[in-house]
Amino acid sequence: MESGMEQAPINETRPVNGSHSQLKQSYFEFTGQGFEYFKIWIVNILLTILTLGIYSAWATVRNNRYFYSNLHLDGSHFSYLAEPLQILKGRIIAVLAFAVYYYALTKYPFFGLALTLALIFVIPYFYNQGLAFNHRMSAYRNIQFRFKGSYGQAFMVLYIWPLLGVLTLGILIPLSILKMHQYTVRNSAYGTSSFSYEASHMDYAKIFLIILGAGLTMGAISWVITQALPEMAFLGVVFFAVFYFIAFIFMMVQMTNIYFRSTSIADHHFDAELDISGMAGVVLINALLIVLTLGLYLPAAKVRMTKYIAESVSLNIAGSLDHFVAAEKESVSALGEQMGQVFDFGS
């Protein structure tokens, strides 16, 4: 179940973004293997079933540690620092809270409605806590990541901006996505160094305009075919199926490229080189093999996708990465992440 994909070069020194200065372009590398992860995945499922879900906290840690430890940049790998008991405690509290909520909703509808309304305003808090926990439990070269978004910012990107996108019939959806990405990146830090995000509204709007233009063109072609050759009307369905697939891949590739190309930390800038043909190949192969193996290829599919994305992303390093200073230790609970998963608003 190995992906068998060709690995990208790990380190190169080249002019970056047209600059005459020499920067070291270091590619991410994912060294995990499909069958290797399959063994972890299947054992996790069996033990989670046998323990009635209790082992799921250990399964989460094993999965994350496998992917983190196999992700390399500039000769060092990432680390996942959370312990199973941290996650289990938060998960138990979250499940109990959900049980109380469900009971109130079914037995005391008015009280349950009040809890639902309260939950709407609590979600941004737990969303922030979930991001803070995930960042704090992630490390690179023994330096942990951090996240410090405010409640007001979370409320805006979770509710207000998406609502404005809907109310404007989709016109502000690109801006809504931009705001979410800005919120996530600009509130993140590596040690004491914050990330920057420099994408513009137009960067996102272009993606939607291209898809809209292609969709209108495809619709016009299908209409002409249907009018001229009614017996070939089925081709319209085929055209639209192909269009939706290509549009999905195009959006995934462009969004990922924009996200990384707009992100920087200190003098170091990320870059991404995902392309439509490469992503389409990964998606199609994964989908086909998942169907043929009745789902058993799922873990290898995750490895294949991770490998492709990782090896298409690089960091243009100005000087060295050794100058970052670890931020002071800070305790962040796993409860926010678990509440997010149980109530289906996890980060």
Protein backbone atom coordinates (compact mmCIF):
# COMPACT_ATOMS: atom_id res chain seq x y z
CA MET A 1 0.00 0.00 0.00
CA GLU A 2 2.92 2.36 -0.49
CA SER A 3 2.35 5.45 -2.52
CA GLY A 4 5.39 4.95 -4.71
CA MET A 5 5.61 8.62 -5.57
CA GLU A 6 8.87 10.23 -6.63
CA GLN A 7 10.38 12.34 -3.88
CA ALA A 8 11.09 16.01 -4.42
CA PRO A 9 14.57 17.40 -3.74
CA ILE A 10 15.02 18.25 -0.08
CA ASN A 11 17.33 21.24 -0.22
CA GLU A 12 18.36 23.54 -2.99
CA THR A 13 19.99 26.95 -3.09
CA ARG A 14 18.55 29.18 -5.78
CA PRO A 15 17.31 32.74 -6.39
CA VAL A 16 13.77 32.92 -4.99
CA ASN A 17 10.87 34.98 -6.37
CA GLY A 18 13.14 36.76 -8.82
CA SER A 19 15.55 37.92 -6.13
CA HIS A 20 19.25 38.07 -6.87
CA SER A 21 20.11 36.98 -3.33
CA GLN A 22 20.71 33.32 -2.66
CA LEU A 23 18.23 31.59 -0.35
CA LYS A 24 18.15 27.96 0.62
CA GLN A 25 14.92 26.44 -0.65
CA SER A 26 14.20 23.52 1.65
CA TYR A 27 11.39 21.17 0.64
CA PHE A 28 9.25 19.34 3.13
CA GLU A 29 9.60 15.58 2.96
CA PHE A 30 7.18 12.94 4.21
CA THR A 31 8.85 9.57 4.73
CA GLY A 32 5.83 7.57 5.91
CA GLN A 33 4.78 4.46 4.01
CA GLY A 34 1.26 3.23 3.27
CA PHE A 35 1.54 -0.32 4.63
CA GLU A 36 3.47 0.87 7.68
CA TYR A 37 0.68 3.27 8.60
CA PHE A 38 -1.98 0.66 7.72
CA LYS A 39 -0.69 -1.55 10.55
CA ILE A 40 -1.01 1.31 13.04
CA TRP A 41 -4.43 2.24 11.68
CA ILE A 42 -5.96 -1.24 11.83
CA VAL A 43 -4.64 -1.92 15.34
CA ASN A 44 -6.04 1.42 16.50
CA ILE A 45 -9.48 0.55 15.12
CA LEU A 46 -9.53 -2.91 16.72
CA LEU A 47 -8.38 -1.68 20.14
CA THR A 48 -10.83 1.24 20.05
CA ILE A 49 -13.68 -1.20 19.41
CA LEU A 50 -12.52 -3.65 22.08
CA THR A 51 -12.21 -0.89 24.70
CA LEU A 52 -15.56 0.70 23.76
CA GLY A 53 -13.83 3.85 22.55
CA ILE A 54 -11.46 4.42 25.47
CA TYR A 55 -8.40 3.60 23.36
CA SER A 56 -9.35 6.32 20.86
CA ALA A 57 -7.23 8.83 22.80
CA TRP A 58 -4.16 6.59 22.41
CA ALA A 59 -5.08 6.02 18.75
CA THR A 60 -5.16 9.79 18.15
CA VAL A 61 -1.72 10.22 19.68
CA ARG A 62 -0.25 7.27 17.73
CA ASN A 63 -1.64 8.56 14.45
CA ASN A 64 -0.42 12.11 15.02
CA ARG A 65 3.01 11.03 16.21
CA TYR A 66 3.44 8.87 13.12
CA PHE A 67 2.65 11.72 10.72
CA TYR A 68 4.58 14.36 12.66
CA SER A 69 7.71 12.25 13.09
CA ASN A 70 7.76 11.40 9.38
CA LEU A 71 7.45 15.01 8.27
CA HIS A 72 10.90 16.54 7.76
CA LEU A 73 12.17 20.02 6.95
CA ASP A 74 15.79 21.09 6.62
CA GLY A 75 17.07 17.86 8.17
CA SER A 76 14.76 17.84 11.23
CA HIS A 77 11.38 16.26 11.85
CA PHE A 78 8.31 17.57 13.63
CA SER A 79 7.06 16.22 16.96
CA TYR A 80 3.63 15.68 18.51
CA LEU A 81 3.81 16.23 22.26
CA ALA A 82 0.32 15.46 23.59
CA GLU A 83 -0.17 12.51 25.94
CA PRO A 84 -3.15 10.14 25.66
CA LEU A 85 -4.43 10.93 29.16
CA GLN A 86 -4.59 14.64 28.30
CA ILE A 87 -6.86 13.86 25.39
CA LEU A 88 -8.85 11.20 27.25
CA LYS A 89 -9.73 13.56 30.12
CA GLY A 90 -10.89 16.24 27.74
CA ARG A 91 -12.81 13.69 25.67
CA ILE A 92 -14.65 12.31 28.72
CA ILE A 93 -15.72 15.79 29.81
CA ALA A 94 -16.80 16.64 26.27
CA VAL A 95 -18.86 13.43 25.92
CA LEU A 96 -20.54 14.00 29.29
CA ALA A 97 -21.36 17.57 28.29
CA PHE A 98 -22.85 16.35 25.03
CA ALA A 99 -24.92 13.72 26.89
CA VAL A 100 -26.35 16.41 29.18
CA TYR A 101 -27.06 18.62 26.16
CA TYR A 102 -28.80 15.80 24.26
CA TYR A 103 -30.85 14.81 27.30
CA ALA A 104 -31.96 18.40 27.86
CA LEU A 105 -32.80 18.78 24.16
CA THR A 106 -35.04 15.68 24.13
CA LYS A 107 -36.64 15.90 27.60
CA TYR A 108 -36.82 19.66 28.13
CA PRO A 109 -37.02 21.27 24.66
CA PHE A 110 -37.18 24.85 25.95
CA PHE A 111 -34.11 24.34 28.15
CA GLY A 112 -32.41 22.48 25.30
CA LEU A 113 -33.10 25.41 22.97
CA ALA A 114 -31.55 27.78 25.51
CA LEU A 115 -28.47 25.54 25.67
CA THR A 116 -28.31 25.50 21.87
CA LEU A 117 -28.29 29.29 21.76
CA ALA A 118 -25.66 29.38 24.49
CA LEU A 119 -23.60 26.82 22.57
CA ILE A 120 -23.52 29.10 19.54
CA PHE A 121 -21.69 31.71 21.61
CA VAL A 122 -19.44 29.14 23.31
CA ILE A 123 -18.23 27.60 20.04
CA PRO A 124 -15.71 30.38 19.21
CA TYR A 125 -14.08 29.92 22.62
CA PHE A 126 -13.65 26.17 22.20
CA TYR A 127 -12.53 26.68 18.61
CA ASN A 128 -9.71 28.90 19.85
CA GLN A 129 -8.85 26.46 22.62
CA GLY A 130 -8.69 23.59 20.15
CA LEU A 131 -6.31 25.51 17.90
CA ALA A 132 -4.20 26.55 20.90
CA PHE A 133 -3.91 22.94 22.08
CA ASN A 134 -3.01 21.60 18.63
CA HIS A 135 -0.37 24.28 18.17
CA ARG A 136 1.12 23.87 21.63
CA MET A 137 1.37 20.10 21.18
CA SER A 138 3.26 20.55 17.89
CA ALA A 139 7.00 21.16 17.89
CA TYR A 140 9.92 21.49 15.51
CA ARG A 141 13.51 21.39 16.75
CA ASN A 142 12.20 21.34 20.33
CA ILE A 143 10.35 24.63 19.88
CA GLN A 144 6.58 24.56 20.25
CA PHE A 145 4.06 26.38 18.13
CA ARG A 146 1.53 28.73 19.68
CA PHE A 147 -1.88 30.18 18.86
CA LYS A 148 -3.52 33.21 20.46
CA GLY A 149 -6.63 34.23 18.58
CA SER A 150 -9.26 36.35 20.32
CA TYR A 151 -12.88 35.40 20.90
CA GLY A 152 -14.10 38.31 18.77
CA GLN A 153 -11.92 37.30 15.83
CA ALA A 154 -13.14 33.70 16.06
CA PHE A 155 -16.77 34.85 16.18
CA MET A 156 -16.26 36.92 13.03
CA VAL A 157 -14.62 34.18 10.94
CA LEU A 158 -16.98 31.44 12.12
CA TYR A 159 -20.25 33.36 11.81
CA ILE A 160 -20.23 36.91 10.50
CA TRP A 161 -18.02 36.61 7.40
CA PRO A 162 -19.63 33.33 6.18
CA LEU A 163 -23.09 34.87 6.76
CA LEU A 164 -22.12 37.90 4.70
CA GLY A 165 -20.93 35.54 1.97
CA VAL A 166 -24.36 33.88 1.87
CA LEU A 167 -26.31 37.14 2.06
CA THR A 168 -24.34 38.57 -0.89
CA LEU A 169 -25.13 35.44 -2.97
CA GLY A 170 -21.53 34.27 -2.80
CA ILE A 171 -19.84 37.55 -3.74
CA LEU A 172 -18.09 37.84 -0.37
CA ILE A 173 -17.27 34.13 0.02
CA PRO A 174 -13.67 34.70 -1.23
CA LEU A 175 -13.30 37.43 1.39
CA SER A 176 -14.71 35.09 4.04
CA ILE A 177 -12.07 32.48 3.20
CA LEU A 178 -9.33 35.13 3.22
CA LYS A 179 -10.42 36.30 6.69
CA MET A 180 -10.31 32.73 8.01
CA HIS A 181 -6.80 32.16 6.63
CA GLN A 182 -5.59 35.50 7.98
CA TYR A 183 -7.02 34.68 11.39
CA THR A 184 -5.41 31.23 11.50
CA VAL A 185 -1.96 32.24 10.28
CA ARG A 186 -1.51 35.67 11.87
CA ASN A 187 -2.47 34.36 15.31
CA SER A 188 0.00 31.48 15.04
CA ALA A 189 3.60 31.60 16.21
CA TYR A 190 6.68 29.43 16.30
CA GLY A 191 8.19 30.04 19.70
CA THR A 192 8.12 33.82 20.07
CA SER A 193 8.03 34.54 16.32
CA SER A 194 4.64 35.20 14.73
CA PHE A 195 3.62 34.17 11.23
CA SER A 196 2.54 36.68 8.59
CA TYR A 197 -0.07 36.29 5.87
CA GLU A 198 -0.09 38.62 2.84
CA ALA A 199 -2.75 37.30 0.44
CA SER A 200 -5.31 39.73 -0.96
CA HIS A 201 -9.05 39.47 -1.58
CA MET A 202 -8.40 39.43 -5.33
CA ASP A 203 -6.14 36.37 -5.01
CA TYR A 204 -9.17 34.41 -3.83
CA ALA A 205 -11.72 36.17 -6.03
CA LYS A 206 -9.76 35.17 -9.18
CA ILE A 207 -10.23 31.49 -8.32
CA PHE A 208 -14.00 31.86 -8.09
CA LEU A 209 -14.18 34.06 -11.20
CA ILE A 210 -12.26 31.49 -13.25
CA ILE A 211 -14.53 28.68 -12.05
CA LEU A 212 -17.63 30.80 -12.71
CA GLY A 213 -16.45 31.67 -16.22
CA ALA A 214 -15.60 28.05 -17.00
CA GLY A 215 -18.97 26.93 -15.63
CA LEU A 216 -20.90 29.41 -17.77
CA THR A 217 -18.90 28.36 -20.84
CA MET A 218 -19.55 24.69 -20.10
CA GLY A 219 -23.24 25.39 -19.64
CA ALA A 220 -23.43 27.22 -22.96
CA ILE A 221 -21.68 24.37 -24.79
CA SER A 222 -24.00 21.80 -23.22
CA TRP A 223 -27.04 23.87 -24.20
CA VAL A 224 -25.87 24.14 -27.82
CA ILE A 225 -25.24 20.38 -28.01
CA THR A 226 -28.65 19.62 -26.53
CA GLN A 227 -30.40 21.93 -28.99
CA ALA A 228 -28.50 20.72 -32.06
CA LEU A 229 -28.34 17.01 -31.18
CA PRO A 230 -31.09 16.06 -28.69
CA GLU A 231 -29.98 12.41 -28.83
CA MET A 232 -26.58 13.48 -27.45
CA ALA A 233 -28.06 15.25 -24.42
CA PHE A 234 -26.34 12.77 -22.09
CA LEU A 235 -23.04 14.41 -23.01
CA GLY A 236 -24.14 17.44 -21.03
CA VAL A 237 -24.22 15.34 -17.87
CA VAL A 238 -20.78 13.94 -18.67
CA PHE A 239 -19.38 17.41 -19.32
CA PHE A 240 -20.71 18.76 -16.04
CA ALA A 241 -19.38 15.76 -14.06
CA VAL A 242 -15.93 16.33 -15.54
CA PHE A 243 -16.23 20.07 -14.96
CA TYR A 244 -17.14 19.70 -11.28
CA PHE A 245 -14.23 17.34 -10.71
CA ILE A 246 -11.75 19.65 -12.42
CA ALA A 247 -13.20 22.68 -10.62
CA PHE A 248 -12.83 20.88 -7.27
CA ILE A 249 -9.19 19.99 -8.01
CA PHE A 250 -8.47 23.48 -9.35
CA MET A 251 -9.85 25.11 -6.20
CA MET A 252 -7.96 22.73 -3.91
CA VAL A 253 -4.67 23.34 -5.73
CA GLN A 254 -5.05 27.12 -5.98
CA MET A 255 -6.20 27.56 -2.36
CA THR A 256 -3.27 25.50 -1.07
CA ASN A 257 -0.76 27.36 -3.23
CA ILE A 258 -2.09 30.76 -2.15
CA TYR A 259 -2.12 29.72 1.51
CA PHE A 260 1.53 28.73 1.58
CA ARG A 261 2.86 31.36 -0.83
CA SER A 262 1.27 34.08 1.33
CA THR A 263 2.72 32.76 4.58
CA SER A 264 6.04 33.80 6.07
CA ILE A 265 7.82 33.91 9.41
CA ALA A 266 10.65 36.35 10.12
CA ASP A 267 12.63 36.48 6.83
CA HIS A 268 11.62 32.97 5.76
CA HIS A 269 8.92 32.54 3.12
CA PHE A 270 6.90 29.47 2.19
CA ASP A 271 6.25 28.39 -1.38
CA ALA A 272 3.97 25.77 -2.96
CA GLU A 273 4.00 24.12 -6.38
CA LEU A 274 0.89 21.94 -6.43
CA ASP A 275 -0.54 21.41 -9.92
CA ILE A 276 -3.87 20.19 -11.26
CA SER A 277 -2.55 17.05 -12.99
CA GLY A 278 -0.59 15.89 -9.94
CA MET A 279 -3.46 16.47 -7.52
CA ALA A 280 -6.01 14.90 -9.88
CA GLY A 281 -3.82 11.81 -10.21
CA VAL A 282 -3.56 11.40 -6.44
CA VAL A 283 -7.31 11.89 -5.91
CA LEU A 284 -8.33 9.50 -8.70
CA ILE A 285 -5.88 6.76 -7.69
CA ASN A 286 -6.89 7.05 -4.03
CA ALA A 287 -10.61 6.93 -4.86
CA LEU A 288 -10.22 3.91 -7.14
CA LEU A 289 -8.11 1.91 -4.69
CA ILE A 290 -10.38 2.76 -1.73
CA VAL A 291 -13.36 1.39 -3.66
CA LEU A 292 -11.51 -1.72 -4.87
CA THR A 293 -10.24 -2.54 -1.34
CA LEU A 294 -13.58 -1.74 0.35
CA GLY A 295 -11.98 1.04 2.36
CA LEU A 296 -8.82 -0.75 3.44
CA TYR A 297 -6.71 1.59 1.32
CA LEU A 298 -7.82 4.61 3.37
CA PRO A 299 -4.64 4.86 5.50
CA ALA A 300 -2.40 4.49 2.44
CA ALA A 301 -4.52 7.11 0.65
CA LYS A 302 -3.86 9.53 3.50
CA VAL A 303 -0.12 8.80 3.25
CA ARG A 304 -0.17 9.32 -0.53
CA MET A 305 -1.95 12.67 -0.24
CA THR A 306 0.29 13.84 2.61
CA LYS A 307 3.40 12.88 0.66
CA TYR A 308 2.25 14.75 -2.45
CA ILE A 309 1.34 17.96 -0.61
CA ALA A 310 4.42 17.90 1.64
CA GLU A 311 6.82 17.46 -1.24
CA SER A 312 5.16 20.26 -3.19
CA VAL A 313 5.70 22.77 -0.37
CA SER A 314 9.00 24.41 0.53
CA LEU A 315 10.44 27.04 2.84
CA ASN A 316 12.81 29.66 1.44
CA ILE A 317 15.26 29.96 4.31
CA ALA A 318 17.14 33.24 4.72
CA GLY A 319 20.22 32.34 6.73
CA SER A 320 19.36 29.75 9.37
CA LEU A 321 16.38 28.42 11.34
CA ASP A 322 18.45 28.21 14.52
CA HIS A 323 17.70 31.75 15.67
CA PHE A 324 14.16 31.08 16.87
CA VAL A 325 13.68 31.24 20.61
CA ALA A 326 11.19 29.02 22.41
CA ALA A 327 8.33 30.87 24.02
CA GLU A 328 7.72 30.51 27.73
CA LYS A 329 5.94 27.35 28.79
CA GLU A 330 2.21 27.65 28.89
CA SER A 331 -0.48 25.14 29.87
CA VAL A 332 -3.26 24.61 27.35
CA SER A 333 -6.08 22.13 28.00
CA ALA A 334 -7.14 19.47 25.50
CA LEU A 335 -10.78 20.10 26.42
CA GLY A 336 -11.31 22.68 23.70
CA GLU A 337 -10.23 20.27 20.98
CA GLN A 338 -12.39 17.45 22.32
CA MET A 339 -15.45 19.68 22.73
CA GLY A 340 -14.96 20.71 19.13
CA GLN A 341 -14.89 17.11 17.92
CA VAL A 342 -17.89 15.97 19.98
CA PHE A 343 -20.06 18.95 19.03
CA ASP A 344 -18.77 18.88 15.43
CA PHE A 345 -17.05 22.28 15.36
CA GLY A 346 -13.47 21.08 15.81
CA SER A 347 -10.55 22.88 14.26
